[in-house]
Every structure is written in C-alpha cells, then in structure tokens.
C-alpha cells in the first residue's frame, strides 16, 4: 500500500482505474485522498467517489459494464477482468438455448432500466445470476440503480484484492 500511495496520479490511475469498468475518473478523484491505510480504506474512498457523483456519472458507470453473455462476450472483446469474471461464473460454456435465455433477459432488463444488468459474477454461478435477473426485473428504477451500484462495489473490491496482496 505504501508504494501505491507514492505513485503519481497517472500511475495510480493506470493501476487502479480498471477496478471500475471503463471509468478511470473514479481513480482520478480518489488519488487526492491519499494516503490509504489499507485495501479497505482504498475501496471505501473509491466507493465514496461514486456515491458522491451525480446520477448521470453513476449511470455512465453502470452503462460501462457489458451485458452478461452479450455481444462483447460472444465476440471476445470484453476487458480481461470481465472475461475472467464471466468465465468463473460458468458463463463461458453455455448451450445455445442458455445463450438465448441470457440475451432475452438482457434485452428485457435493458428495456426496463436503460442500462445493463450488473451482478458480481465471481460471487454467483449461472443459476444464481438467472435468479437475480428474475428478481431484479421486479424492482423499480429507483431500487435498481442502487442495487447495480452495490454489485459494482463488490466487483471493485474483488478486483482490488487481485491487485493488492495482503
């Protein structure tokens, strides 16, 4: 953590930026809050940046996430982090019928909320993700945006743990 605290803003953002999918602005804003005493503090400060951002920036963060088993996954163009996370959840070896089901749920969810379904794939397997889709499709937009952000915070914590050994 000491070496991370000593990094220039550019180096810090290069390392910590990918923790939040295609959203380096979070690392940029957190950098000024150094020094961080540990991983938990760093994660907390990063999440604070997101929580204090306006609804527009929060929505942009959610929209930066790929659909599960979506076009990017099928084309092999996900970030390395997302590729590994979806594979760990068992989403890399689906039958054509399962792919069709995910694509239908992605479409239903995106039509209702205007952003992709986000769930911490590393903490869930295919069945739990499908159940999550069905449960969260019953949410209102006011309930779902915070739910998506909480899942993003879980993803970010796991990605930080991958980057920063204890």
C-alpha atoms as a PDB file:
ATOM      1  CA  UNK A   1       0.000   0.000   0.000  1.00  0.00           C
ATOM      2  CA  UNK A   2       2.919   2.343   0.699  1.00  0.00           C
ATOM      3  CA  UNK A   3       4.149   2.130  -2.872  1.00  0.00           C
ATOM      4  CA  UNK A   4       0.617   2.717  -4.168  1.00  0.00           C
ATOM      5  CA  UNK A   5       0.341   5.850  -2.002  1.00  0.00           C
ATOM      6  CA  UNK A   6       3.593   7.207  -3.517  1.00  0.00           C
ATOM      7  CA  UNK A   7       2.504   6.820  -7.145  1.00  0.00           C
ATOM      8  CA  UNK A   8       1.916   9.780  -9.429  1.00  0.00           C
ATOM      9  CA  UNK A   9      -1.700  10.364 -10.341  1.00  0.00           C
ATOM     10  CA  UNK A  10      -1.084   8.972 -13.815  1.00  0.00           C
ATOM     11  CA  UNK A  11       0.477   5.747 -12.492  1.00  0.00           C
ATOM     12  CA  UNK A  12      -2.184   5.368  -9.808  1.00  0.00           C
ATOM     13  CA  UNK A  13      -4.956   5.714 -12.402  1.00  0.00           C
ATOM     14  CA  UNK A  14      -3.212   3.265 -14.718  1.00  0.00           C
ATOM     15  CA  UNK A  15      -3.211   0.634 -11.949  1.00  0.00           C
ATOM     16  CA  UNK A  16      -6.451   1.384 -10.073  1.00  0.00           C
ATOM     17  CA  UNK A  17      -8.536   2.744 -12.960  1.00  0.00           C
ATOM     18  CA  UNK A  18      -9.538  -0.692 -14.361  1.00  0.00           C
ATOM     19  CA  UNK A  19     -11.043  -1.674 -10.989  1.00  0.00           C
ATOM     20  CA  UNK A  20     -14.163   0.172 -12.181  1.00  0.00           C
ATOM     21  CA  UNK A  21     -15.067  -0.878 -15.733  1.00  0.00           C
ATOM     22  CA  UNK A  22     -14.015   1.791 -18.276  1.00  0.00           C
ATOM     23  CA  UNK A  23     -14.307   4.501 -15.572  1.00  0.00           C
ATOM     24  CA  UNK A  24     -10.857   5.875 -14.683  1.00  0.00           C
ATOM     25  CA  UNK A  25     -12.480   9.095 -13.400  1.00  0.00           C
ATOM     26  CA  UNK A  26     -13.091   7.294 -10.100  1.00  0.00           C
ATOM     27  CA  UNK A  27      -9.389   6.602  -9.549  1.00  0.00           C
ATOM     28  CA  UNK A  28      -8.551  10.185 -10.588  1.00  0.00           C
ATOM     29  CA  UNK A  29     -10.883  11.574  -7.911  1.00  0.00           C
ATOM     30  CA  UNK A  30      -9.725   9.120  -5.228  1.00  0.00           C
ATOM     31  CA  UNK A  31      -5.999   9.794  -5.790  1.00  0.00           C
ATOM     32  CA  UNK A  32      -6.169  13.152  -3.992  1.00  0.00           C
ATOM     33  CA  UNK A  33      -7.460  11.390  -0.854  1.00  0.00           C
ATOM     34  CA  UNK A  34      -4.148   9.543  -0.288  1.00  0.00           C
ATOM     35  CA  UNK A  35      -2.652   8.135   1.809  1.00  0.00           C
ATOM     36  CA  UNK A  36      -4.752   4.986   2.135  1.00  0.00           C
ATOM     37  CA  UNK A  37      -4.061   2.841   5.243  1.00  0.00           C
ATOM     38  CA  UNK A  38      -5.147  -0.369   3.583  1.00  0.00           C
ATOM     39  CA  UNK A  39      -7.214  -2.031   0.938  1.00  0.00           C
ATOM     40  CA  UNK A  40     -10.480  -1.473   2.833  1.00  0.00           C
ATOM     41  CA  UNK A  41      -9.801   2.264   3.089  1.00  0.00           C
ATOM     42  CA  UNK A  42      -8.927   2.499  -0.586  1.00  0.00           C
ATOM     43  CA  UNK A  43     -12.088   0.605  -1.552  1.00  0.00           C
ATOM     44  CA  UNK A  44     -14.176   2.798   0.731  1.00  0.00           C
ATOM     45  CA  UNK A  45     -12.748   6.013  -0.769  1.00  0.00           C
ATOM     46  CA  UNK A  46     -13.321   4.754  -4.323  1.00  0.00           C
ATOM     47  CA  UNK A  47     -16.930   3.887  -3.483  1.00  0.00           C
ATOM     48  CA  UNK A  48     -17.380   7.302  -1.829  1.00  0.00           C
ATOM     49  CA  UNK A  49     -16.344   8.935  -5.109  1.00  0.00           C
ATOM     50  CA  UNK A  50     -19.090   7.002  -6.900  1.00  0.00           C
ATOM     51  CA  UNK A  51     -21.707   7.674  -4.212  1.00  0.00           C
ATOM     52  CA  UNK A  52     -20.991  11.406  -4.272  1.00  0.00           C
ATOM     53  CA  UNK A  53     -21.029  11.578  -8.069  1.00  0.00           C
ATOM     54  CA  UNK A  54     -24.207  12.763  -9.692  1.00  0.00           C
ATOM     55  CA  UNK A  55     -26.816  10.386 -11.062  1.00  0.00           C
ATOM     56  CA  UNK A  56     -25.523  10.996 -14.595  1.00  0.00           C
ATOM     57  CA  UNK A  57     -21.993   9.797 -13.747  1.00  0.00           C
ATOM     58  CA  UNK A  58     -23.372   6.851 -11.782  1.00  0.00           C
ATOM     59  CA  UNK A  59     -25.499   5.879 -14.756  1.00  0.00           C
ATOM     60  CA  UNK A  60     -22.460   6.175 -17.055  1.00  0.00           C
ATOM     61  CA  UNK A  61     -20.559   3.826 -14.712  1.00  0.00           C
ATOM     62  CA  UNK A  62     -23.354   1.249 -14.806  1.00  0.00           C
ATOM     63  CA  UNK A  63     -23.621   1.564 -18.586  1.00  0.00           C
ATOM     64  CA  UNK A  64     -19.857   0.966 -18.900  1.00  0.00           C
ATOM     65  CA  UNK A  65     -20.470  -2.647 -17.846  1.00  0.00           C
ATOM     66  CA  UNK A  66     -21.033  -5.273 -20.519  1.00  0.00           C
ATOM     67  CA  UNK A  67     -24.125  -7.426 -20.815  1.00  0.00           C
ATOM     68  CA  UNK A  68     -23.626 -10.878 -19.344  1.00  0.00           C
ATOM     69  CA  UNK A  69     -23.181 -13.265 -22.265  1.00  0.00           C
ATOM     70  CA  UNK A  70     -23.757 -10.271 -24.528  1.00  0.00           C
ATOM     71  CA  UNK A  71     -22.273  -9.352 -27.902  1.00  0.00           C
ATOM     72  CA  UNK A  72     -18.904  -8.348 -26.426  1.00  0.00           C
ATOM     73  CA  UNK A  73     -18.594 -11.657 -24.566  1.00  0.00           C
ATOM     74  CA  UNK A  74     -19.546 -13.688 -27.620  1.00  0.00           C
ATOM     75  CA  UNK A  75     -17.159 -11.669 -29.820  1.00  0.00           C
ATOM     76  CA  UNK A  76     -14.311 -11.972 -27.289  1.00  0.00           C
ATOM     77  CA  UNK A  77     -13.953  -8.209 -26.820  1.00  0.00           C
ATOM     78  CA  UNK A  78     -14.567  -7.926 -23.069  1.00  0.00           C
ATOM     79  CA  UNK A  79     -11.910  -6.494 -20.773  1.00  0.00           C
ATOM     80  CA  UNK A  80      -9.646  -9.220 -19.369  1.00  0.00           C
ATOM     81  CA  UNK A  81     -11.262  -8.692 -15.960  1.00  0.00           C
ATOM     82  CA  UNK A  82     -14.806  -9.166 -17.272  1.00  0.00           C
ATOM     83  CA  UNK A  83     -13.794 -12.179 -19.351  1.00  0.00           C
ATOM     84  CA  UNK A  84     -12.365 -13.921 -16.286  1.00  0.00           C
ATOM     85  CA  UNK A  85     -15.304 -12.999 -14.093  1.00  0.00           C
ATOM     86  CA  UNK A  86     -17.905 -14.275 -16.547  1.00  0.00           C
ATOM     87  CA  UNK A  87     -15.914 -17.476 -17.082  1.00  0.00           C
ATOM     88  CA  UNK A  88     -15.627 -18.033 -13.311  1.00  0.00           C
ATOM     89  CA  UNK A  89     -19.419 -17.876 -13.084  1.00  0.00           C
ATOM     90  CA  UNK A  90     -19.729 -20.591 -15.714  1.00  0.00           C
ATOM     91  CA  UNK A  91     -20.921 -18.241 -18.432  1.00  0.00           C
ATOM     92  CA  UNK A  92     -18.220 -19.203 -20.899  1.00  0.00           C
ATOM     93  CA  UNK A  93     -19.650 -22.642 -21.661  1.00  0.00           C
ATOM     94  CA  UNK A  94     -23.362 -22.160 -22.224  1.00  0.00           C
ATOM     95  CA  UNK A  95     -25.644 -24.055 -24.584  1.00  0.00           C
ATOM     96  CA  UNK A  96     -27.268 -22.135 -27.456  1.00  0.00           C
ATOM     97  CA  UNK A  97     -30.575 -22.215 -25.507  1.00  0.00           C
ATOM     98  CA  UNK A  98     -28.895 -20.732 -22.416  1.00  0.00           C
ATOM     99  CA  UNK A  99     -27.240 -18.013 -24.508  1.00  0.00           C
ATOM    100  CA  UNK A 100     -30.656 -17.165 -25.984  1.00  0.00           C
ATOM    101  CA  UNK A 101     -32.148 -17.003 -22.470  1.00  0.00           C
ATOM    102  CA  UNK A 102     -29.416 -14.628 -21.264  1.00  0.00           C
ATOM    103  CA  UNK A 103     -29.868 -12.442 -24.331  1.00  0.00           C
ATOM    104  CA  UNK A 104     -33.639 -12.260 -23.782  1.00  0.00           C
ATOM    105  CA  UNK A 105     -33.177 -11.340 -20.120  1.00  0.00           C
ATOM    106  CA  UNK A 106     -30.534  -8.756 -21.051  1.00  0.00           C
ATOM    107  CA  UNK A 107     -32.982  -7.215 -23.509  1.00  0.00           C
ATOM    108  CA  UNK A 108     -35.874  -7.204 -21.035  1.00  0.00           C
ATOM    109  CA  UNK A 109     -33.717  -5.687 -18.320  1.00  0.00           C
ATOM    110  CA  UNK A 110     -32.165  -3.033 -20.578  1.00  0.00           C
ATOM    111  CA  UNK A 111     -35.626  -2.113 -21.938  1.00  0.00           C
ATOM    112  CA  UNK A 112     -36.944  -1.584 -18.415  1.00  0.00           C
ATOM    113  CA  UNK A 113     -33.964   0.187 -16.817  1.00  0.00           C
ATOM    114  CA  UNK A 114     -31.909   1.644 -19.677  1.00  0.00           C
ATOM    115  CA  UNK A 115     -28.670   0.026 -18.530  1.00  0.00           C
ATOM    116  CA  UNK A 116     -27.164  -3.464 -18.389  1.00  0.00           C
ATOM    117  CA  UNK A 117     -27.820  -5.957 -15.617  1.00  0.00           C
ATOM    118  CA  UNK A 118     -24.812  -5.875 -13.300  1.00  0.00           C
ATOM    119  CA  UNK A 119     -24.102  -8.623 -10.803  1.00  0.00           C
ATOM    120  CA  UNK A 120     -20.855  -9.721  -9.209  1.00  0.00           C
ATOM    121  CA  UNK A 121     -20.334 -12.791 -11.375  1.00  0.00           C
ATOM    122  CA  UNK A 122     -17.438 -14.039  -9.239  1.00  0.00           C
ATOM    123  CA  UNK A 123     -19.802 -14.371  -6.291  1.00  0.00           C
ATOM    124  CA  UNK A 124     -22.503 -16.134  -8.314  1.00  0.00           C
ATOM    125  CA  UNK A 125     -22.922 -19.028 -10.687  1.00  0.00           C
ATOM    126  CA  UNK A 126     -25.191 -19.272 -13.722  1.00  0.00           C
ATOM    127  CA  UNK A 127     -28.303 -20.349 -11.769  1.00  0.00           C
ATOM    128  CA  UNK A 128     -27.939 -17.564  -9.186  1.00  0.00           C
ATOM    129  CA  UNK A 129     -27.410 -14.999 -11.933  1.00  0.00           C
ATOM    130  CA  UNK A 130     -30.561 -16.120 -13.739  1.00  0.00           C
ATOM    131  CA  UNK A 131     -32.484 -15.932 -10.454  1.00  0.00           C
ATOM    132  CA  UNK A 132     -31.030 -12.446  -9.862  1.00  0.00           C
ATOM    133  CA  UNK A 133     -32.272 -11.317 -13.268  1.00  0.00           C
ATOM    134  CA  UNK A 134     -35.780 -12.529 -12.493  1.00  0.00           C
ATOM    135  CA  UNK A 135     -35.876 -10.971  -9.018  1.00  0.00           C
ATOM    136  CA  UNK A 136     -34.381  -7.642 -10.011  1.00  0.00           C
ATOM    137  CA  UNK A 137     -36.629  -7.255 -13.048  1.00  0.00           C
ATOM    138  CA  UNK A 138     -39.382  -6.728 -10.441  1.00  0.00           C
ATOM    139  CA  UNK A 139     -37.566  -3.703  -8.977  1.00  0.00           C
ATOM    140  CA  UNK A 140     -38.444  -0.119  -9.756  1.00  0.00           C
ATOM    141  CA  UNK A 141     -35.775   2.044 -11.430  1.00  0.00           C
ATOM    142  CA  UNK A 142     -35.324   3.825  -8.065  1.00  0.00           C
ATOM    143  CA  UNK A 143     -34.488   0.470  -6.433  1.00  0.00           C
ATOM    144  CA  UNK A 144     -32.410  -0.921  -9.264  1.00  0.00           C
ATOM    145  CA  UNK A 145     -29.828   1.814  -9.718  1.00  0.00           C
ATOM    146  CA  UNK A 146     -28.540   1.461  -6.121  1.00  0.00           C
ATOM    147  CA  UNK A 147     -28.659  -2.347  -6.471  1.00  0.00           C
ATOM    148  CA  UNK A 148     -26.477  -2.167  -9.602  1.00  0.00           C
ATOM    149  CA  UNK A 149     -24.020   0.176  -7.849  1.00  0.00           C
ATOM    150  CA  UNK A 150     -23.722  -2.186  -4.869  1.00  0.00           C
ATOM    151  CA  UNK A 151     -22.849  -5.018  -7.261  1.00  0.00           C
ATOM    152  CA  UNK A 152     -20.243  -2.779  -8.908  1.00  0.00           C
ATOM    153  CA  UNK A 153     -18.730  -2.111  -5.467  1.00  0.00           C
ATOM    154  CA  UNK A 154     -18.440  -5.887  -4.884  1.00  0.00           C
ATOM    155  CA  UNK A 155     -16.751  -6.308  -8.273  1.00  0.00           C
ATOM    156  CA  UNK A 156     -14.354  -3.454  -7.490  1.00  0.00           C
ATOM    157  CA  UNK A 157     -13.407  -4.939  -4.122  1.00  0.00           C
ATOM    158  CA  UNK A 158     -12.542  -8.297  -5.678  1.00  0.00           C
ATOM    159  CA  UNK A 159     -10.526  -6.620  -8.423  1.00  0.00           C
ATOM    160  CA  UNK A 160      -8.634  -4.596  -5.794  1.00  0.00           C
ATOM    161  CA  UNK A 161      -7.870  -7.789  -3.859  1.00  0.00           C
ATOM    162  CA  UNK A 162      -6.430  -9.251  -7.065  1.00  0.00           C
ATOM    163  CA  UNK A 163      -4.167  -6.199  -7.479  1.00  0.00           C
ATOM    164  CA  UNK A 164      -3.067  -5.653  -3.894  1.00  0.00           C
ATOM    165  CA  UNK A 165      -1.863  -8.679  -1.975  1.00  0.00           C
ATOM    166  CA  UNK A 166      -2.403  -8.666   1.794  1.00  0.00           C
END
